[in-house]
Structure formats: C-alpha cells, structure tokens
Amino acid sequence: MVKTGVVIGECHRRHRHQEFIKFLNTIDAVVRETEPEQTAAHLVLDNYATHKTPAVQRWLKRHPRYHLHFTPTSASWLNQVERVFADLTEKQLRRGVFRSVAALEQSAMEYLDARNEDARPFTWTADANTILRRVARHRDHAACKKL
C-alpha cells in the first residue's frame, strides 16, 4: 500500500480471473483491517485482460470502495512494484537453492513478511525536473539509435 509501504503478496500457479479475485479478497481483508470503511482504495494495474473480466466487474460492483486504474506500458507508477521485485530477487532469491516451486514461493512470502514488519512508503528522491531531463535524454538517445 502506498500509504504505509506494506506489500500484499500471494503466489498463484495460474493467472486467471479466479486467482485475481482471490487476490482482491486478500487485499480487501487487509484494507478492511487497516482502513475505515469509507476510505476509497485505488488499485493501479497493468492492462492484462484478467483484470477486466465480467467476474471482476461483478466483484467491483459488490465492493464500491475499489477503483481500478490501468497503466500504459512502461508507466513510471510500476517502478515502485519493480523495485520491490528487484529487492526480493537481490536479497532473497538470487543465491537461493530451491528444490521445488513451493520452496521458492515460501521464500518469497517470507521476504514479504519480513519486509512488512518494518514497512515504509516509497519516497521519490528525484524532483520532477530531474526525471523529465532523464526522460528527454533517453528519448534523444533512442532516436539516435534508430538513425
């Protein structure tokens, strides 16, 4: 959660709408426990079709506090999520030896549990002008490569 820095995670073998709804139920349980009922919850998602099925739409109608926002590909909003995955890989998984998928999943969930013990929100360290300069530099560099 952006407000607290807590990361809510689950491992599912498949990525269908059924698993997404299970994850939404997990999110709802955490949010209900930590936030007053009237607080809106905004979920930022990629454009994966699973997030838009009729079953998910029905879930959202039954849970009106939730609002989905879909990001374009390469959106900077996802940098926070990518940072968590990079930390998970670097600090927990890279040098690990896992004899099964279940052992890998257990290790990932143990990392999230430990991280959430002292959760802190992400803070941007660069100001808007610095970020825009980097974007312009990258755009210019990409344009040069095409020539």
Protein backbone atom coordinates (compact mmCIF):
# COMPACT_ATOMS: atom_id res chain seq x y z
CA MET A 1 0.00 0.00 0.00
CA VAL A 2 1.46 3.33 -0.99
CA LYS A 3 0.31 4.99 2.24
CA THR A 4 2.05 2.52 4.56
CA GLY A 5 4.62 0.74 2.38
CA VAL A 6 3.08 -2.65 3.16
CA VAL A 7 3.30 -5.09 0.24
CA ILE A 8 0.42 -7.54 -0.12
CA GLY A 9 1.54 -10.62 -2.00
CA GLU A 10 0.35 -14.06 -3.00
CA CYS A 11 1.67 -16.79 -5.26
CA HIS A 12 -0.70 -18.46 -7.70
CA ARG A 13 0.22 -21.09 -10.26
CA ARG A 14 -2.20 -19.64 -12.78
CA HIS A 15 -3.14 -16.07 -13.62
CA ARG A 16 -6.82 -16.26 -14.43
CA HIS A 17 -9.66 -14.09 -13.18
CA GLN A 18 -10.34 -16.63 -10.41
CA GLU A 19 -6.88 -16.10 -8.94
CA PHE A 20 -7.16 -12.34 -9.38
CA ILE A 21 -10.45 -12.33 -7.44
CA LYS A 22 -8.80 -14.37 -4.66
CA PHE A 23 -6.09 -11.71 -4.54
CA LEU A 24 -8.71 -8.93 -4.48
CA ASN A 25 -10.31 -10.68 -1.49
CA THR A 26 -6.93 -10.74 0.26
CA ILE A 27 -6.43 -7.04 -0.46
CA ASP A 28 -9.94 -6.33 0.82
CA ALA A 29 -9.26 -8.19 4.07
CA VAL A 30 -6.08 -6.17 4.68
CA VAL A 31 -7.71 -2.86 3.76
CA ARG A 32 -10.76 -3.52 5.94
CA GLU A 33 -8.44 -4.29 8.84
CA THR A 34 -6.33 -1.15 8.45
CA GLU A 35 -8.61 1.50 6.93
CA PRO A 36 -12.05 2.82 7.84
CA GLU A 37 -14.82 1.51 5.60
CA GLN A 38 -15.43 4.87 3.93
CA THR A 39 -11.84 5.15 2.64
CA ALA A 40 -11.55 4.63 -1.11
CA ALA A 41 -8.94 2.16 -2.33
CA HIS A 42 -7.27 2.75 -5.68
CA LEU A 43 -5.57 -0.18 -7.40
CA VAL A 44 -3.07 0.50 -10.17
CA LEU A 45 -2.94 -2.41 -12.61
CA ASP A 46 -1.47 -3.28 -15.96
CA ASN A 47 -3.79 -3.88 -18.90
CA TYR A 48 -3.89 -7.67 -18.54
CA ALA A 49 -7.28 -8.96 -19.73
CA THR A 50 -7.79 -10.92 -16.48
CA HIS A 51 -8.32 -7.62 -14.66
CA LYS A 52 -11.30 -6.73 -16.86
CA THR A 53 -13.48 -9.86 -16.95
CA PRO A 54 -17.20 -9.83 -16.10
CA ALA A 55 -16.45 -11.72 -12.87
CA VAL A 56 -14.03 -8.99 -11.78
CA GLN A 57 -16.59 -6.33 -12.73
CA ARG A 58 -19.17 -8.08 -10.52
CA TRP A 59 -16.66 -8.16 -7.65
CA LEU A 60 -16.07 -4.42 -8.07
CA LYS A 61 -19.82 -3.70 -8.00
CA ARG A 62 -20.04 -5.55 -4.67
CA HIS A 63 -17.00 -3.61 -3.36
CA PRO A 64 -17.62 0.01 -4.39
CA ARG A 65 -14.69 1.44 -2.42
CA TYR A 66 -12.28 -0.04 -5.00
CA HIS A 67 -11.30 1.86 -8.11
CA LEU A 68 -9.10 0.34 -10.79
CA HIS A 69 -6.63 2.44 -12.76
CA PHE A 70 -4.88 0.88 -15.74
CA THR A 71 -1.39 1.99 -16.62
CA PRO A 72 0.11 2.25 -20.08
CA THR A 73 3.08 0.03 -20.84
CA SER A 74 6.31 1.31 -19.23
CA ALA A 75 4.42 3.54 -16.82
CA SER A 76 6.52 5.04 -14.04
CA TRP A 77 3.87 4.03 -11.49
CA LEU A 78 5.15 0.49 -11.92
CA ASN A 79 8.68 1.48 -10.87
CA GLN A 80 7.67 1.03 -7.23
CA VAL A 81 6.46 -2.51 -7.91
CA GLU A 82 9.56 -3.29 -9.95
CA ARG A 83 11.72 -2.01 -7.06
CA VAL A 84 10.05 -4.49 -4.67
CA PHE A 85 10.69 -7.35 -7.13
CA ALA A 86 14.31 -6.24 -7.57
CA ASP A 87 14.82 -6.21 -3.78
CA LEU A 88 13.15 -9.61 -3.46
CA THR A 89 15.43 -11.04 -6.14
CA GLU A 90 18.60 -9.43 -4.81
CA LYS A 91 18.06 -10.01 -1.10
CA GLN A 92 16.21 -13.32 -1.05
CA LEU A 93 16.17 -15.32 -4.25
CA ARG A 94 19.35 -14.79 -6.28
CA ARG A 95 21.68 -17.04 -4.28
CA GLY A 96 18.98 -19.36 -3.01
CA VAL A 97 18.65 -23.01 -3.90
CA PHE A 98 15.04 -24.10 -4.26
CA ARG A 99 14.18 -27.75 -4.72
CA SER A 100 10.56 -27.01 -5.63
CA VAL A 101 8.24 -24.23 -6.71
CA ALA A 102 6.65 -24.40 -3.27
CA ALA A 103 10.05 -23.70 -1.65
CA LEU A 104 10.58 -20.71 -3.97
CA GLU A 105 7.11 -19.36 -3.17
CA GLN A 106 7.70 -19.86 0.57
CA SER A 107 10.97 -17.94 0.37
CA ALA A 108 9.29 -15.05 -1.49
CA MET A 109 6.47 -14.85 1.03
CA GLU A 110 8.93 -14.97 3.95
CA TYR A 111 10.74 -11.98 2.43
CA LEU A 112 7.48 -10.01 2.11
CA ASP A 113 6.50 -10.86 5.69
CA ALA A 114 9.91 -9.68 6.98
CA ARG A 115 9.77 -6.54 4.82
CA ASN A 116 6.30 -5.71 6.10
CA GLU A 117 7.47 -5.95 9.73
CA ASP A 118 9.08 -2.53 9.21
CA ALA A 119 7.18 -1.32 6.15
CA ARG A 120 7.79 2.20 4.91
CA PRO A 121 6.29 4.00 1.94
CA PHE A 122 8.50 4.56 -1.08
CA THR A 123 9.69 8.11 -1.47
CA TRP A 124 10.81 9.63 -4.72
CA THR A 125 14.32 11.01 -4.40
CA ALA A 126 14.40 12.90 -7.69
CA ASP A 127 12.36 16.02 -8.32
CA ALA A 128 10.12 16.35 -11.38
CA ASN A 129 12.66 18.37 -13.39
CA THR A 130 15.37 15.74 -12.89
CA ILE A 131 13.02 12.99 -14.02
CA LEU A 132 11.92 14.96 -17.09
CA ARG A 133 15.56 15.62 -18.05
CA ARG A 134 16.29 11.90 -17.84
CA VAL A 135 13.25 11.08 -19.96
CA ALA A 136 14.34 13.61 -22.59
CA ARG A 137 17.89 12.21 -22.59
CA HIS A 138 16.57 8.67 -23.01
CA ARG A 139 14.22 9.75 -25.80
CA ASP A 140 17.07 11.54 -27.60
CA HIS A 141 19.36 8.52 -27.19
CA ALA A 142 16.65 6.17 -28.52
CA ALA A 143 16.09 8.46 -31.53
CA CYS A 144 19.83 8.39 -32.31
CA LYS A 145 19.85 4.58 -32.27
CA LYS A 146 17.09 4.49 -34.89
CA LEU A 147 19.19 6.57 -37.30
